[in-house]
Amino acid sequence: MMKSHSRLLALGLIFVTALTLAACATPEYRIRNHPDIYAQATPAQQALIGKGQIGLGFKPEFVRLALGRPDRVSQRTDADGTEVVWHYAAPQSTVVWTTGFGYPFYDPFFGPNIIAVPTAGNDRLSVTFRNNTVVSIDETVHP
C-alpha cells in the first residue's frame, strides 16, 4: 500500500511540474511577463505573436515572445554579411528499458520499466536574422 501511495505521489508531482513548465512555454505567459516588448510590435505582429507565430521583419525579441528561446543558435558569414540562425527542435523521445537496479536510471520501485526520455530531434523551425531582422523562416513539414 505504501509503495502504491509513493508512486502516485511521485506521478502527481511529475504532472504538476509538467503543467507548470507548459504554462511557462506559452506565448501568453511570455507576453504577460514582457508587456513592454509586446507593446513595441505592430498590431499585425501582435496578432501573430499571440498565436505563437512569427513573420518576416520580426525583431529577435518578438520571435522570443512568440516561440520562446531557441534550442540552439548558429551563425553564418558570407560576402553579404553575417546571419544568425535560431533553431527550434522537433520533440522526440528515446525509449529506455530500466532494470530497476541503477542502469541506466535508478528505479526506487525495482522495475523493470520502459521510460520515454525526451531527446533533441531535427529542427522543426529555423529562423534566420540579418541585421537583427527576420529574413527567412524555414519550417519542416511532415507528411
Protein backbone atom coordinates (compact mmCIF):
# COMPACT_ATOMS: atom_id res chain seq x y z
CA MET A 1 0.00 0.00 0.00
CA MET A 2 2.81 2.41 0.90
CA LYS A 3 4.62 1.61 -2.34
CA SER A 4 1.49 2.40 -4.38
CA HIS A 5 0.90 5.66 -2.47
CA SER A 6 4.51 6.77 -3.04
CA ARG A 7 4.26 6.01 -6.74
CA LEU A 8 1.01 8.00 -7.05
CA LEU A 9 2.58 10.89 -5.18
CA ALA A 10 5.61 10.85 -7.49
CA LEU A 11 3.38 10.75 -10.60
CA GLY A 12 1.32 13.65 -9.24
CA LEU A 13 4.45 15.70 -8.64
CA ILE A 14 5.66 14.99 -12.19
CA PHE A 15 2.26 16.00 -13.58
CA VAL A 16 2.20 19.31 -11.65
CA THR A 17 5.77 20.08 -12.74
CA ALA A 18 4.89 19.36 -16.38
CA LEU A 19 1.85 21.65 -16.19
CA THR A 20 3.95 24.44 -14.66
CA LEU A 21 6.60 24.13 -17.36
CA ALA A 22 3.96 24.01 -20.09
CA ALA A 23 2.40 27.22 -18.77
CA CYS A 24 5.79 28.94 -18.98
CA ALA A 25 6.10 27.81 -22.56
CA THR A 26 3.10 29.71 -23.89
CA PRO A 27 3.13 33.00 -25.80
CA GLU A 28 0.53 34.34 -23.34
CA TYR A 29 2.88 33.75 -20.41
CA ARG A 30 5.81 35.41 -22.18
CA ILE A 31 3.66 38.38 -23.27
CA ARG A 32 2.37 38.82 -19.72
CA ASN A 33 5.96 38.88 -18.41
CA HIS A 34 7.23 41.27 -21.12
CA PRO A 35 4.40 43.69 -21.95
CA ASP A 36 6.91 46.42 -22.83
CA ILE A 37 8.37 44.33 -25.67
CA TYR A 38 4.91 43.26 -26.85
CA ALA A 39 3.80 46.93 -26.99
CA GLN A 40 6.63 47.67 -29.48
CA ALA A 41 5.14 45.28 -32.06
CA THR A 42 2.63 46.41 -34.68
CA PRO A 43 -0.97 45.17 -34.31
CA ALA A 44 -0.37 42.61 -37.09
CA GLN A 45 2.78 41.37 -35.35
CA GLN A 46 0.96 41.22 -32.01
CA ALA A 47 -1.74 39.04 -33.55
CA LEU A 48 0.90 36.58 -34.81
CA ILE A 49 2.83 36.62 -31.52
CA GLY A 50 -0.36 35.82 -29.60
CA LYS A 51 -0.85 32.71 -31.78
CA GLY A 52 2.77 31.61 -31.34
CA GLN A 53 3.63 32.51 -34.92
CA ILE A 54 6.23 34.80 -36.49
CA GLY A 55 6.75 36.70 -39.74
CA LEU A 56 9.39 38.31 -41.87
CA GLY A 57 10.67 41.58 -40.42
CA PHE A 58 10.29 40.46 -36.80
CA LYS A 59 12.90 41.55 -34.26
CA PRO A 60 14.56 38.82 -32.16
CA GLU A 61 12.56 39.97 -29.12
CA PHE A 62 9.27 39.36 -30.96
CA VAL A 63 10.39 35.89 -32.05
CA ARG A 64 11.31 35.06 -28.46
CA LEU A 65 7.84 36.18 -27.30
CA ALA A 66 6.11 34.02 -29.90
CA LEU A 67 8.31 30.92 -29.86
CA GLY A 68 10.43 31.07 -26.71
CA ARG A 69 14.18 30.58 -26.52
CA PRO A 70 15.76 28.67 -29.40
CA ASP A 71 17.18 25.21 -28.78
CA ARG A 72 20.43 26.24 -30.43
CA VAL A 73 21.90 29.19 -32.35
CA SER A 74 24.27 29.13 -35.30
CA GLN A 75 25.97 31.85 -37.30
CA ARG A 76 26.88 32.04 -40.99
CA THR A 77 29.09 34.66 -42.60
CA ASP A 78 29.40 35.27 -46.35
CA ALA A 79 30.25 38.17 -48.65
CA ASP A 80 26.92 39.85 -47.83
CA GLY A 81 27.49 39.80 -44.08
CA THR A 82 26.60 37.67 -41.09
CA GLU A 83 23.38 35.79 -40.48
CA VAL A 84 22.30 34.35 -37.16
CA VAL A 85 20.02 31.32 -37.23
CA TRP A 86 17.81 30.25 -34.34
CA HIS A 87 16.93 26.55 -34.42
CA TYR A 88 13.84 25.10 -32.76
CA ALA A 89 13.99 21.32 -32.44
CA ALA A 90 11.17 18.89 -33.07
CA PRO A 91 10.45 16.98 -29.87
CA GLN A 92 11.36 13.31 -29.94
CA SER A 93 11.64 10.56 -27.36
CA THR A 94 14.01 7.67 -26.91
CA VAL A 95 12.64 4.57 -25.23
CA VAL A 96 14.86 3.24 -22.44
CA TRP A 97 14.49 -0.11 -20.66
CA THR A 98 15.45 0.09 -17.00
CA THR A 99 16.25 -2.89 -14.82
CA GLY A 100 15.44 -1.14 -11.61
CA PHE A 101 18.94 -1.65 -10.27
CA GLY A 102 20.57 1.61 -11.32
CA TYR A 103 21.27 1.14 -15.03
CA PRO A 104 20.69 3.44 -16.84
CA PHE A 105 18.43 5.03 -14.21
CA TYR A 106 17.82 4.15 -10.60
CA ASP A 107 14.27 2.95 -10.08
CA PRO A 108 13.21 3.00 -6.41
CA PHE A 109 10.30 0.71 -7.25
CA PHE A 110 12.61 -2.01 -8.63
CA GLY A 111 11.42 -2.01 -12.29
CA PRO A 112 11.72 -3.28 -14.89
CA ASN A 113 10.21 -0.26 -16.61
CA ILE A 114 10.10 1.28 -20.04
CA ILE A 115 10.65 5.05 -19.98
CA ALA A 116 10.35 7.57 -22.83
CA VAL A 117 13.22 10.04 -22.40
CA PRO A 118 12.86 13.34 -24.30
CA THR A 119 15.72 13.97 -26.71
CA ALA A 120 16.51 16.70 -29.20
CA GLY A 121 15.38 15.86 -32.69
CA ASN A 122 15.73 17.53 -36.04
CA ASP A 123 14.88 21.19 -36.46
CA ARG A 124 11.18 21.84 -36.88
CA LEU A 125 11.85 25.52 -37.47
CA SER A 126 14.86 27.68 -38.33
CA VAL A 127 14.65 31.47 -38.15
CA THR A 128 17.35 33.50 -39.93
CA PHE A 129 18.21 37.05 -38.83
CA ARG A 130 20.24 39.60 -40.74
CA ASN A 131 20.79 42.98 -39.04
CA ASN A 132 18.51 41.84 -36.17
CA THR A 133 15.56 41.29 -38.50
CA VAL A 134 13.95 38.02 -39.60
CA VAL A 135 14.80 37.50 -43.28
CA SER A 136 13.99 33.79 -43.61
CA ILE A 137 11.80 31.19 -41.91
CA ASP A 138 12.39 27.53 -42.72
CA GLU A 139 9.78 25.13 -41.40
CA THR A 140 9.89 21.35 -41.63
CA VAL A 141 6.62 19.99 -42.94
CA HIS A 142 5.90 16.38 -42.02
CA PRO A 143 3.76 14.37 -44.45
